[in-house]
C-alpha atoms as a PDB file:
ATOM      1  CA  MET A   1     -25.337  -4.439 -56.721  1.00  0.00           C
ATOM      2  CA  LYS A   2     -21.985  -5.999 -55.903  1.00  0.00           C
ATOM      3  CA  GLU A   3     -21.743  -9.703 -56.679  1.00  0.00           C
ATOM      4  CA  LYS A   4     -20.792 -12.011 -53.845  1.00  0.00           C
ATOM      5  CA  HIS A   5     -18.003 -14.393 -54.790  1.00  0.00           C
ATOM      6  CA  ASP A   6     -18.154 -17.964 -53.535  1.00  0.00           C
ATOM      7  CA  ASN A   7     -14.893 -17.616 -51.632  1.00  0.00           C
ATOM      8  CA  GLU A   8     -16.053 -14.564 -49.681  1.00  0.00           C
ATOM      9  CA  PRO A   9     -16.991 -15.323 -46.045  1.00  0.00           C
ATOM     10  CA  THR A  10     -20.565 -14.925 -44.910  1.00  0.00           C
ATOM     11  CA  ALA A  11     -21.411 -12.284 -42.314  1.00  0.00           C
ATOM     12  CA  GLU A  12     -21.369 -14.936 -39.580  1.00  0.00           C
ATOM     13  CA  GLN A  13     -18.035 -16.351 -40.755  1.00  0.00           C
ATOM     14  CA  ALA A  14     -16.575 -12.865 -40.943  1.00  0.00           C
ATOM     15  CA  GLU A  15     -17.628 -12.182 -37.384  1.00  0.00           C
ATOM     16  CA  LEU A  16     -16.082 -15.436 -36.202  1.00  0.00           C
ATOM     17  CA  LEU A  17     -12.850 -14.601 -38.024  1.00  0.00           C
ATOM     18  CA  ASP A  18     -12.912 -11.168 -36.443  1.00  0.00           C
ATOM     19  CA  LEU A  19     -13.397 -12.737 -33.040  1.00  0.00           C
ATOM     20  CA  GLY A  20     -10.491 -15.091 -33.651  1.00  0.00           C
ATOM     21  CA  ASP A  21      -8.325 -12.146 -34.608  1.00  0.00           C
ATOM     22  CA  VAL A  22      -9.296 -10.279 -31.455  1.00  0.00           C
ATOM     23  CA  LEU A  23      -8.572 -13.340 -29.313  1.00  0.00           C
ATOM     24  CA  GLY A  24      -5.201 -13.820 -30.957  1.00  0.00           C
ATOM     25  CA  GLN A  25      -4.210 -10.202 -30.458  1.00  0.00           C
ATOM     26  CA  THR A  26      -5.389 -10.226 -26.857  1.00  0.00           C
ATOM     27  CA  ARG A  27      -3.309 -13.276 -25.997  1.00  0.00           C
ATOM     28  CA  ALA A  28      -0.277 -11.980 -27.874  1.00  0.00           C
ATOM     29  CA  LEU A  29      -0.424  -8.605 -26.178  1.00  0.00           C
ATOM     30  CA  GLY A  30      -0.793 -10.226 -22.789  1.00  0.00           C
ATOM     31  CA  ALA A  31       2.195 -12.483 -23.392  1.00  0.00           C
ATOM     32  CA  ILE A  32       4.398  -9.649 -24.656  1.00  0.00           C
ATOM     33  CA  ALA A  33       3.457  -7.001 -22.145  1.00  0.00           C
ATOM     34  CA  GLY A  34       3.287  -9.209 -19.065  1.00  0.00           C
ATOM     35  CA  ARG A  35       0.393  -7.045 -17.923  1.00  0.00           C
ATOM     36  CA  CYS A  36      -2.710  -5.629 -19.547  1.00  0.00           C
ATOM     37  CA  SER A  37      -2.087  -2.961 -22.175  1.00  0.00           C
ATOM     38  CA  ALA A  38      -4.505  -0.275 -23.343  1.00  0.00           C
ATOM     39  CA  ALA A  39      -5.098  -2.186 -26.580  1.00  0.00           C
ATOM     40  CA  GLN A  40      -5.795  -5.400 -24.684  1.00  0.00           C
ATOM     41  CA  ALA A  41      -8.211  -3.685 -22.315  1.00  0.00           C
ATOM     42  CA  ALA A  42     -10.063  -2.161 -25.265  1.00  0.00           C
ATOM     43  CA  MET A  43     -10.339  -5.574 -26.911  1.00  0.00           C
ATOM     44  CA  LEU A  44     -11.686  -7.160 -23.739  1.00  0.00           C
ATOM     45  CA  ALA A  45     -14.304  -4.430 -23.481  1.00  0.00           C
ATOM     46  CA  ARG A  46     -15.273  -4.966 -27.117  1.00  0.00           C
ATOM     47  CA  LEU A  47     -15.600  -8.727 -26.641  1.00  0.00           C
ATOM     48  CA  ARG A  48     -18.071  -8.251 -23.804  1.00  0.00           C
ATOM     49  CA  GLU A  49     -20.001  -5.210 -24.995  1.00  0.00           C
ATOM     50  CA  GLU A  50     -20.461  -6.337 -28.589  1.00  0.00           C
ATOM     51  CA  LYS A  51     -21.190  -9.855 -27.279  1.00  0.00           C
ATOM     52  CA  LEU A  52     -18.681 -11.347 -29.723  1.00  0.00           C
ATOM     53  CA  TYR A  53     -18.073 -14.177 -27.273  1.00  0.00           C
ATOM     54  CA  LYS A  54     -21.584 -15.517 -27.956  1.00  0.00           C
ATOM     55  CA  ARG A  55     -20.336 -16.905 -31.276  1.00  0.00           C
ATOM     56  CA  ILE A  56     -18.359 -19.420 -29.217  1.00  0.00           C
ATOM     57  CA  THR A  57     -20.361 -19.776 -26.008  1.00  0.00           C
ATOM     58  CA  PRO A  58     -23.422 -18.009 -24.591  1.00  0.00           C
ATOM     59  CA  LEU A  59     -21.730 -17.740 -21.206  1.00  0.00           C
ATOM     60  CA  TRP A  60     -19.353 -14.841 -20.576  1.00  0.00           C
ATOM     61  CA  ASP A  61     -17.976 -16.605 -17.501  1.00  0.00           C
ATOM     62  CA  GLU A  62     -17.073 -19.712 -19.516  1.00  0.00           C
ATOM     63  CA  PHE A  63     -15.598 -17.622 -22.311  1.00  0.00           C
ATOM     64  CA  CYS A  64     -13.274 -15.824 -19.885  1.00  0.00           C
ATOM     65  CA  THR A  65     -11.975 -18.933 -18.158  1.00  0.00           C
ATOM     66  CA  LYS A  66     -11.831 -21.270 -21.153  1.00  0.00           C
ATOM     67  CA  TYR A  67     -10.809 -19.024 -24.029  1.00  0.00           C
ATOM     68  CA  LEU A  68      -9.189 -15.989 -22.431  1.00  0.00           C
ATOM     69  CA  LYS A  69      -7.601 -18.100 -19.684  1.00  0.00           C
ATOM     70  CA  MET A  70      -8.585 -15.433 -17.159  1.00  0.00           C
ATOM     71  CA  ALA A  71     -11.036 -15.318 -14.271  1.00  0.00           C
ATOM     72  CA  ARG A  72     -14.215 -13.441 -15.135  1.00  0.00           C
ATOM     73  CA  SER A  73     -13.734 -11.176 -12.108  1.00  0.00           C
ATOM     74  CA  GLU A  74     -10.316 -10.111 -13.418  1.00  0.00           C
ATOM     75  CA  VAL A  75     -11.630  -9.439 -16.936  1.00  0.00           C
ATOM     76  CA  ASP A  76     -14.558  -7.431 -15.561  1.00  0.00           C
ATOM     77  CA  ARG A  77     -12.145  -5.470 -13.341  1.00  0.00           C
ATOM     78  CA  ILE A  78      -9.985  -4.574 -16.354  1.00  0.00           C
ATOM     79  CA  ILE A  79     -13.026  -3.459 -18.347  1.00  0.00           C
ATOM     80  CA  HIS A  80     -14.241  -1.357 -15.404  1.00  0.00           C
ATOM     81  CA  LEU A  81     -10.843   0.359 -15.158  1.00  0.00           C
ATOM     82  CA  TRP A  82     -10.854   0.932 -18.914  1.00  0.00           C
ATOM     83  CA  HIS A  83     -14.157   2.791 -18.693  1.00  0.00           C
ATOM     84  CA  GLU A  84     -13.311   4.656 -15.484  1.00  0.00           C
ATOM     85  CA  LEU A  85      -9.677   5.646 -16.053  1.00  0.00           C
ATOM     86  CA  GLY A  86      -9.282   5.334 -19.807  1.00  0.00           C
ATOM     87  CA  PRO A  87      -6.339   4.127 -21.894  1.00  0.00           C
ATOM     88  CA  VAL A  88      -3.831   6.401 -20.151  1.00  0.00           C
ATOM     89  CA  TYR A  89      -3.991   4.290 -16.991  1.00  0.00           C
ATOM     90  CA  PHE A  90      -2.978   1.182 -18.944  1.00  0.00           C
ATOM     91  CA  GLU A  91      -0.309   3.072 -20.869  1.00  0.00           C
ATOM     92  CA  VAL A  92       1.309   4.302 -17.663  1.00  0.00           C
ATOM     93  CA  SER A  93       0.961   0.853 -16.066  1.00  0.00           C
ATOM     94  CA  GLN A  94       3.247  -0.563 -18.752  1.00  0.00           C
ATOM     95  CA  PHE A  95       6.164   1.295 -17.160  1.00  0.00           C
ATOM     96  CA  THR A  96       5.569   0.233 -13.548  1.00  0.00           C
ATOM     97  CA  ARG A  97       2.958  -1.509 -11.474  1.00  0.00           C
ATOM     98  CA  LEU A  98       0.425   1.110 -10.554  1.00  0.00           C
ATOM     99  CA  SER A  99      -2.694   0.809  -8.445  1.00  0.00           C
ATOM    100  CA  PRO A 100      -5.852   2.632  -9.562  1.00  0.00           C
ATOM    101  CA  GLU A 101      -5.669   4.697  -6.341  1.00  0.00           C
ATOM    102  CA  THR A 102      -2.145   5.896  -7.128  1.00  0.00           C
ATOM    103  CA  PHE A 103      -3.069   6.687 -10.719  1.00  0.00           C
ATOM    104  CA  ARG A 104      -6.048   8.768  -9.617  1.00  0.00           C
ATOM    105  CA  ALA A 105      -3.690  10.790  -7.437  1.00  0.00           C
ATOM    106  CA  ILE A 106      -1.108  11.438 -10.174  1.00  0.00           C
ATOM    107  CA  ALA A 107      -3.517  11.573 -13.148  1.00  0.00           C
ATOM    108  CA  PRO A 108      -3.385  15.399 -13.428  1.00  0.00           C
ATOM    109  CA  THR A 109       0.353  15.156 -14.196  1.00  0.00           C
ATOM    110  CA  VAL A 110      -0.204  12.822 -17.177  1.00  0.00           C
ATOM    111  CA  THR A 111      -1.265  14.790 -20.254  1.00  0.00           C
ATOM    112  CA  ASP A 112      -0.484  14.914 -23.952  1.00  0.00           C
ATOM    113  CA  GLY A 113       1.367  11.609 -23.921  1.00  0.00           C
ATOM    114  CA  ALA A 114       3.809  12.677 -21.220  1.00  0.00           C
ATOM    115  CA  ILE A 115       4.191  12.749 -17.471  1.00  0.00           C
ATOM    116  CA  HIS A 116       5.000  16.167 -16.066  1.00  0.00           C
ATOM    117  CA  TYR A 117       7.383  16.346 -13.120  1.00  0.00           C
ATOM    118  CA  ASN A 118       9.520  19.166 -11.715  1.00  0.00           C
ATOM    119  CA  GLY A 119       8.796  21.357 -14.723  1.00  0.00           C
ATOM    120  CA  GLU A 120       9.765  18.671 -17.233  1.00  0.00           C
ATOM    121  CA  ALA A 121       7.513  16.752 -19.628  1.00  0.00           C
ATOM    122  CA  ILE A 122       8.749  13.170 -20.020  1.00  0.00           C
ATOM    123  CA  PRO A 123       7.159  11.403 -23.014  1.00  0.00           C
ATOM    124  CA  LEU A 124       5.607   8.032 -22.304  1.00  0.00           C
ATOM    125  CA  THR A 125       7.850   6.102 -24.678  1.00  0.00           C
ATOM    126  CA  PRO A 126       9.790   2.839 -24.287  1.00  0.00           C
ATOM    127  CA  GLU A 127      13.035   4.827 -24.367  1.00  0.00           C
ATOM    128  CA  ASN A 128      11.935   6.679 -21.231  1.00  0.00           C
ATOM    129  CA  ALA A 129      10.691   3.592 -19.379  1.00  0.00           C
ATOM    130  CA  ARG A 130      13.209   3.849 -16.532  1.00  0.00           C
ATOM    131  CA  ARG A 131      12.738   7.585 -16.086  1.00  0.00           C
ATOM    132  CA  VAL A 132       8.955   7.293 -16.071  1.00  0.00           C
ATOM    133  CA  ALA A 133       9.105   4.457 -13.529  1.00  0.00           C
ATOM    134  CA  ALA A 134      11.465   6.490 -11.324  1.00  0.00           C
ATOM    135  CA  VAL A 135       9.233   9.580 -11.505  1.00  0.00           C
ATOM    136  CA  ILE A 136       6.142   7.569 -10.583  1.00  0.00           C
ATOM    137  CA  SER A 137       8.071   6.036  -7.684  1.00  0.00           C
ATOM    138  CA  ASP A 138       8.977   9.540  -6.454  1.00  0.00           C
ATOM    139  CA  MET A 139       5.384  10.704  -6.814  1.00  0.00           C
ATOM    140  CA  ARG A 140       4.099   7.645  -4.968  1.00  0.00           C
ATOM    141  CA  ARG A 141       6.427   8.296  -2.028  1.00  0.00           C
ATOM    142  CA  ALA A 142       5.292  11.915  -1.880  1.00  0.00           C
ATOM    143  CA  LEU A 143       1.611  10.992  -1.630  1.00  0.00           C
ATOM    144  CA  PRO A 144       0.063  11.288   1.841  1.00  0.00           C
ATOM    145  CA  ARG A 145      -0.167   7.923   3.492  1.00  0.00           C
ATOM    146  CA  PRO A 146      -3.716   6.859   4.372  1.00  0.00           C
ATOM    147  CA  GLU A 147      -4.402   6.444   8.047  1.00  0.00           C
ATOM    148  CA  LYS A 148      -4.256   2.853   9.137  1.00  0.00           C
ATOM    149  CA  THR A 149      -7.521   1.585  10.491  1.00  0.00           C
ATOM    150  CA  VAL A 150      -7.567  -1.080  13.161  1.00  0.00           C
ATOM    151  CA  ASP A 151     -10.359  -3.601  12.809  1.00  0.00           C
ATOM    152  CA  ALA A 152     -12.473  -4.071  15.907  1.00  0.00           C
ATOM    153  CA  PRO A 153     -11.731  -7.421  17.605  1.00  0.00           C
ATOM    154  CA  THR A 154     -14.211 -10.204  16.994  1.00  0.00           C
ATOM    155  CA  ILE A 155     -16.309 -11.747  19.764  1.00  0.00           C
ATOM    156  CA  GLY A 156     -14.020 -14.777  19.746  1.00  0.00           C
ATOM    157  CA  GLU A 157     -10.924 -12.600  20.091  1.00  0.00           C
ATOM    158  CA  ARG A 158     -12.494 -10.665  22.959  1.00  0.00           C
ATOM    159  CA  ILE A 159     -13.419 -13.887  24.781  1.00  0.00           C
ATOM    160  CA  THR A 160      -9.869 -15.223  24.369  1.00  0.00           C
ATOM    161  CA  ALA A 161      -8.431 -11.980  25.757  1.00  0.00           C
ATOM    162  CA  LEU A 162     -10.943 -12.092  28.625  1.00  0.00           C
ATOM    163  CA  ASP A 163      -9.911 -15.665  29.402  1.00  0.00           C
ATOM    164  CA  HIS A 164      -6.272 -14.553  29.755  1.00  0.00           C
ATOM    165  CA  ARG A 165      -7.250 -11.667  32.025  1.00  0.00           C
ATOM    166  CA  CYS A 166      -9.493 -13.962  34.060  1.00  0.00           C
ATOM    167  CA  THR A 167      -6.559 -16.318  34.688  1.00  0.00           C
ATOM    168  CA  GLU A 168      -4.471 -13.396  35.913  1.00  0.00           C
ATOM    169  CA  PHE A 169      -7.426 -12.100  37.946  1.00  0.00           C
ATOM    170  CA  ILE A 170      -7.904 -15.439  39.765  1.00  0.00           C
ATOM    171  CA  ALA A 171      -4.177 -15.862  40.381  1.00  0.00           C
ATOM    172  CA  GLU A 172      -4.028 -12.392  41.959  1.00  0.00           C
ATOM    173  CA  PHE A 173      -6.952 -13.148  44.289  1.00  0.00           C
ATOM    174  CA  ALA A 174      -5.398 -16.500  45.228  1.00  0.00           C
ATOM    175  CA  GLU A 175      -2.098 -14.876  46.109  1.00  0.00           C
ATOM    176  CA  LEU A 176      -3.707 -12.145  48.205  1.00  0.00           C
ATOM    177  CA  SER A 177      -5.888 -14.699  50.008  1.00  0.00           C
ATOM    178  CA  ARG A 178      -2.746 -16.213  51.488  1.00  0.00           C
ATOM    179  CA  GLN A 179      -1.866 -12.984  53.268  1.00  0.00           C
ATOM    180  CA  ASP A 180      -2.347 -12.437  56.982  1.00  0.00           C
ATOM    181  CA  SER A 181      -6.109 -12.288  57.608  1.00  0.00           C
ATOM    182  CA  LYS A 182      -5.481 -10.050  60.606  1.00  0.00           C
ATOM    183  CA  SER A 183      -3.716  -7.327  58.600  1.00  0.00           C
ATOM    184  CA  ALA A 184      -5.229  -3.868  58.205  1.00  0.00           C
ATOM    185  CA  GLU A 185      -5.801  -4.499  54.477  1.00  0.00           C
ATOM    186  CA  TRP A 186      -7.637  -7.796  54.876  1.00  0.00           C
ATOM    187  CA  MET A 187     -11.097  -6.279  55.202  1.00  0.00           C
ATOM    188  CA  LYS A 188     -10.503  -4.287  52.012  1.00  0.00           C
ATOM    189  CA  PHE A 189      -9.467  -7.479  50.202  1.00  0.00           C
ATOM    190  CA  ALA A 190     -12.537  -9.321  51.495  1.00  0.00           C
ATOM    191  CA  SER A 191     -14.784  -6.507  50.276  1.00  0.00           C
ATOM    192  CA  VAL A 192     -13.281  -6.581  46.779  1.00  0.00           C
ATOM    193  CA  LEU A 193     -13.591 -10.380  46.644  1.00  0.00           C
ATOM    194  CA  GLN A 194     -17.223 -10.197  47.767  1.00  0.00           C
ATOM    195  CA  ARG A 195     -17.997  -7.566  45.128  1.00  0.00           C
ATOM    196  CA  ALA A 196     -16.399  -9.632  42.363  1.00  0.00           C
ATOM    197  CA  GLN A 197     -18.335 -12.714  43.468  1.00  0.00           C
ATOM    198  CA  THR A 198     -21.636 -10.795  43.575  1.00  0.00           C
ATOM    199  CA  GLU A 199     -21.174  -9.127  40.192  1.00  0.00           C
ATOM    200  CA  LEU A 200     -20.056 -12.307  38.435  1.00  0.00           C
ATOM    201  CA  GLY A 201     -23.027 -14.156  39.953  1.00  0.00           C
ATOM    202  CA  ARG A 202     -25.381 -11.460  38.675  1.00  0.00           C
ATOM    203  CA  ILE A 203     -23.915 -11.632  35.145  1.00  0.00           C
ATOM    204  CA  ALA A 204     -24.164 -15.446  35.164  1.00  0.00           C
ATOM    205  CA  LYS A 205     -27.814 -15.252  36.181  1.00  0.00           C
ATOM    206  CA  GLN A 206     -28.600 -12.674  33.475  1.00  0.00           C
ATOM    207  CA  SER A 207     -26.909 -14.919  30.895  1.00  0.00           C
ATOM    208  CA  GLY A 208     -28.891 -17.968  31.942  1.00  0.00           C
ATOM    209  CA  ILE A 209     -25.792 -19.705  33.264  1.00  0.00           C
ATOM    210  CA  ARG A 210     -26.390 -21.799  36.364  1.00  0.00           C
END
Protein backbone atom coordinates (compact mmCIF):
# COMPACT_ATOMS: atom_id res chain seq x y z
CA MET A 1 0.00 0.00 0.00
CA LYS A 2 1.36 3.39 -0.99
CA GLU A 3 2.23 5.65 1.93
CA LYS A 4 0.56 9.04 2.05
CA HIS A 5 3.03 11.85 2.65
CA ASP A 6 2.03 14.71 4.91
CA ASN A 7 2.41 17.27 2.14
CA GLU A 8 0.07 15.43 -0.23
CA PRO A 9 -3.40 17.04 -0.52
CA THR A 10 -6.43 15.18 0.72
CA ALA A 11 -9.10 14.09 -1.76
CA GLU A 12 -11.21 17.13 -0.85
CA GLN A 13 -8.26 19.51 -1.18
CA ALA A 14 -7.34 17.96 -4.51
CA GLU A 15 -10.85 18.50 -5.78
CA LEU A 16 -10.80 22.12 -4.66
CA LEU A 17 -7.45 22.64 -6.37
CA ASP A 18 -8.85 21.03 -9.49
CA LEU A 19 -11.84 23.34 -9.34
CA GLY A 20 -9.57 26.35 -8.96
CA ASP A 21 -7.60 25.23 -11.98
CA VAL A 22 -10.76 24.84 -14.03
CA LEU A 23 -11.98 28.28 -12.96
CA GLY A 24 -8.65 29.85 -13.83
CA GLN A 25 -8.57 28.25 -17.26
CA THR A 26 -12.17 29.20 -17.95
CA ARG A 27 -11.55 32.86 -17.15
CA ALA A 28 -8.29 32.93 -19.08
CA LEU A 29 -9.83 31.36 -22.15
CA GLY A 30 -12.74 33.77 -22.02
CA ALA A 31 -10.43 36.76 -21.76
CA ILE A 32 -8.18 35.60 -24.60
CA ALA A 33 -10.84 34.42 -27.00
CA GLY A 34 -13.36 37.19 -26.43
CA ARG A 35 -16.05 34.55 -26.88
CA CYS A 36 -16.61 31.04 -25.61
CA SER A 37 -14.19 28.43 -26.95
CA ALA A 38 -14.75 24.68 -27.18
CA ALA A 39 -12.43 24.14 -24.21
CA GLN A 40 -14.29 26.73 -22.15
CA ALA A 41 -17.67 25.24 -22.99
CA ALA A 42 -16.43 21.79 -21.99
CA MET A 43 -15.17 23.15 -18.67
CA LEU A 44 -18.48 24.85 -17.95
CA ALA A 45 -20.31 21.60 -18.64
CA ARG A 46 -17.93 19.74 -16.33
CA LEU A 47 -18.41 22.27 -13.53
CA ARG A 48 -22.17 21.78 -13.60
CA GLU A 49 -22.43 18.07 -14.35
CA GLU A 50 -19.77 16.92 -11.90
CA LYS A 51 -21.16 19.43 -9.38
CA LEU A 52 -17.67 20.80 -8.72
CA TYR A 53 -19.21 24.16 -7.88
CA LYS A 54 -20.70 22.67 -4.69
CA ARG A 55 -17.25 22.82 -3.09
CA ILE A 56 -17.68 26.60 -3.08
CA THR A 57 -21.44 27.11 -2.93
CA PRO A 58 -24.43 24.77 -3.09
CA LEU A 59 -26.17 27.13 -5.51
CA TRP A 60 -25.36 26.88 -9.21
CA ASP A 61 -26.98 30.27 -9.82
CA GLU A 62 -24.74 31.96 -7.24
CA PHE A 63 -21.67 30.17 -8.55
CA CYS A 64 -22.30 31.44 -12.08
CA THR A 65 -22.84 35.07 -11.14
CA LYS A 66 -20.28 35.35 -8.34
CA TYR A 67 -17.42 33.15 -9.49
CA LEU A 68 -17.83 32.81 -13.24
CA LYS A 69 -19.05 36.40 -13.59
CA MET A 70 -21.74 35.19 -15.98
CA ALA A 71 -25.52 34.98 -15.81
CA ARG A 72 -26.75 31.46 -15.14
CA SER A 73 -28.97 31.60 -18.23
CA GLU A 74 -25.92 32.32 -20.41
CA VAL A 75 -23.88 29.50 -18.86
CA ASP A 76 -26.77 27.05 -19.26
CA ARG A 77 -27.19 28.18 -22.89
CA ILE A 78 -23.51 27.49 -23.60
CA ILE A 79 -23.72 24.04 -22.01
CA HIS A 80 -26.87 23.26 -24.02
CA LEU A 81 -25.11 24.23 -27.26
CA TRP A 82 -22.10 22.14 -26.26
CA HIS A 83 -24.28 19.05 -25.91
CA GLU A 84 -26.41 19.76 -28.98
CA LEU A 85 -23.84 20.99 -31.50
CA GLY A 86 -20.57 19.73 -30.06
CA PRO A 87 -17.11 21.32 -29.99
CA VAL A 88 -17.10 22.08 -33.73
CA TYR A 89 -19.69 24.83 -33.26
CA PHE A 90 -17.43 26.61 -30.77
CA GLU A 91 -14.35 26.05 -32.91
CA VAL A 92 -16.02 27.64 -35.93
CA SER A 93 -17.42 30.46 -33.78
CA GLN A 94 -13.87 31.54 -32.96
CA PHE A 95 -13.48 32.75 -36.55
CA THR A 96 -16.72 34.74 -36.80
CA ARG A 97 -19.89 35.30 -34.85
CA LEU A 98 -22.19 32.48 -35.76
CA SER A 99 -25.73 31.79 -34.61
CA PRO A 100 -26.74 28.21 -33.81
CA GLU A 101 -29.28 28.40 -36.67
CA THR A 102 -26.60 29.32 -39.20
CA PHE A 103 -24.27 26.62 -37.92
CA ARG A 104 -26.97 23.97 -38.25
CA ALA A 105 -27.39 25.01 -41.88
CA ILE A 106 -23.68 24.86 -42.75
CA ALA A 107 -22.70 21.99 -40.40
CA PRO A 108 -22.50 19.39 -43.21
CA THR A 109 -19.67 21.41 -44.80
CA VAL A 110 -17.53 21.29 -41.63
CA THR A 111 -15.72 17.95 -41.35
CA ASP A 112 -12.28 16.65 -40.47
CA GLY A 113 -11.13 19.96 -39.04
CA ALA A 114 -11.90 21.92 -42.20
CA ILE A 115 -14.70 23.80 -43.88
CA HIS A 116 -15.44 22.64 -47.40
CA TYR A 117 -16.42 25.26 -49.96
CA ASN A 118 -16.37 25.28 -53.77
CA GLY A 119 -14.42 22.03 -53.86
CA GLU A 120 -11.76 23.25 -51.45
CA ALA A 121 -11.10 22.11 -47.87
CA ILE A 122 -9.96 25.06 -45.74
CA PRO A 123 -8.44 23.94 -42.41
CA LEU A 124 -9.84 25.59 -39.32
CA THR A 125 -6.55 27.12 -38.22
CA PRO A 126 -5.63 30.62 -37.00
CA GLU A 127 -3.70 31.18 -40.24
CA ASN A 128 -6.93 30.72 -42.20
CA ALA A 129 -9.08 32.88 -39.92
CA ARG A 130 -9.90 35.49 -42.57
CA ARG A 131 -10.63 32.92 -45.26
CA VAL A 132 -12.87 30.89 -42.97
CA ALA A 133 -14.76 34.02 -41.90
CA ALA A 134 -15.20 35.06 -45.54
CA VAL A 135 -16.45 31.60 -46.55
CA ILE A 136 -18.97 31.54 -43.70
CA SER A 137 -20.13 35.01 -44.72
CA ASP A 138 -20.68 33.77 -48.29
CA MET A 139 -22.54 30.71 -47.04
CA ARG A 140 -24.70 32.83 -44.76
CA ARG A 141 -25.72 35.10 -47.63
CA ALA A 142 -26.60 32.09 -49.76
CA LEU A 143 -28.95 30.64 -47.14
CA PRO A 144 -32.68 31.10 -47.82
CA ARG A 145 -34.05 33.96 -45.81
CA PRO A 146 -36.83 32.98 -43.40
CA GLU A 147 -40.19 34.51 -44.10
CA LYS A 148 -40.89 37.49 -41.92
CA THR A 149 -43.87 37.02 -39.69
CA VAL A 150 -45.98 39.98 -38.69
CA ASP A 151 -47.28 39.86 -35.15
CA ALA A 152 -51.02 40.33 -34.80
CA PRO A 153 -51.86 43.77 -33.36
CA THR A 154 -52.76 43.89 -29.69
CA ILE A 155 -56.19 44.93 -28.44
CA GLY A 156 -54.74 48.30 -27.43
CA GLU A 157 -53.25 48.83 -30.89
CA ARG A 158 -56.54 47.92 -32.55
CA ILE A 159 -58.48 50.35 -30.33
CA THR A 160 -56.01 53.15 -31.13
CA ALA A 161 -56.37 52.46 -34.86
CA LEU A 162 -60.16 52.36 -34.48
CA ASP A 163 -60.09 55.70 -32.68
CA HIS A 164 -58.25 57.27 -35.65
CA ARG A 165 -60.74 55.80 -38.11
CA CYS A 166 -63.64 56.93 -35.94
CA THR A 167 -62.36 60.52 -36.04
CA GLU A 168 -62.19 60.36 -39.83
CA PHE A 169 -65.61 58.67 -39.93
CA ILE A 170 -67.27 61.44 -37.87
CA ALA A 171 -65.55 64.20 -39.84
CA GLU A 172 -66.83 62.69 -43.10
CA PHE A 173 -70.42 62.53 -41.81
CA ALA A 174 -70.17 66.11 -40.53
CA GLU A 175 -68.98 67.38 -43.88
CA LEU A 176 -71.69 65.56 -45.82
CA SER A 177 -74.36 66.79 -43.40
CA ARG A 178 -73.66 70.33 -44.56
CA GLN A 179 -74.67 69.50 -48.13
CA ASP A 180 -77.96 70.54 -49.67
CA SER A 181 -80.69 68.50 -47.95
CA LYS A 182 -82.80 68.74 -51.10
CA SER A 183 -80.21 67.06 -53.34
CA ALA A 184 -80.87 63.68 -54.93
CA GLU A 185 -78.19 62.07 -52.74
CA TRP A 186 -79.51 63.36 -49.42
CA MET A 187 -81.85 60.45 -48.77
CA LYS A 188 -78.98 58.03 -49.38
CA PHE A 189 -76.82 59.95 -46.88
CA ALA A 190 -79.63 59.95 -44.31
CA SER A 191 -80.05 56.19 -44.71
CA VAL A 192 -76.34 55.54 -44.16
CA LEU A 193 -76.31 57.83 -41.11
CA GLN A 194 -79.36 56.07 -39.67
CA ARG A 195 -77.76 52.66 -40.21
CA ALA A 196 -74.53 53.73 -38.50
CA GLN A 197 -76.48 55.14 -35.56
CA THR A 198 -78.57 51.96 -35.22
CA GLU A 199 -75.61 49.58 -35.43
CA LEU A 200 -73.45 51.57 -33.02
CA GLY A 201 -76.38 51.74 -30.58
CA ARG A 202 -76.81 47.97 -30.81
CA ILE A 203 -73.09 47.35 -30.15
CA ALA A 204 -73.15 49.75 -27.18
CA LYS A 205 -76.13 47.93 -25.70
CA GLN A 206 -74.48 44.51 -26.17
CA SER A 207 -71.34 45.84 -24.45
CA GLY A 208 -73.28 47.18 -21.49
CA ILE A 209 -72.47 50.77 -22.40
CA ARG A 210 -75.27 53.22 -21.68
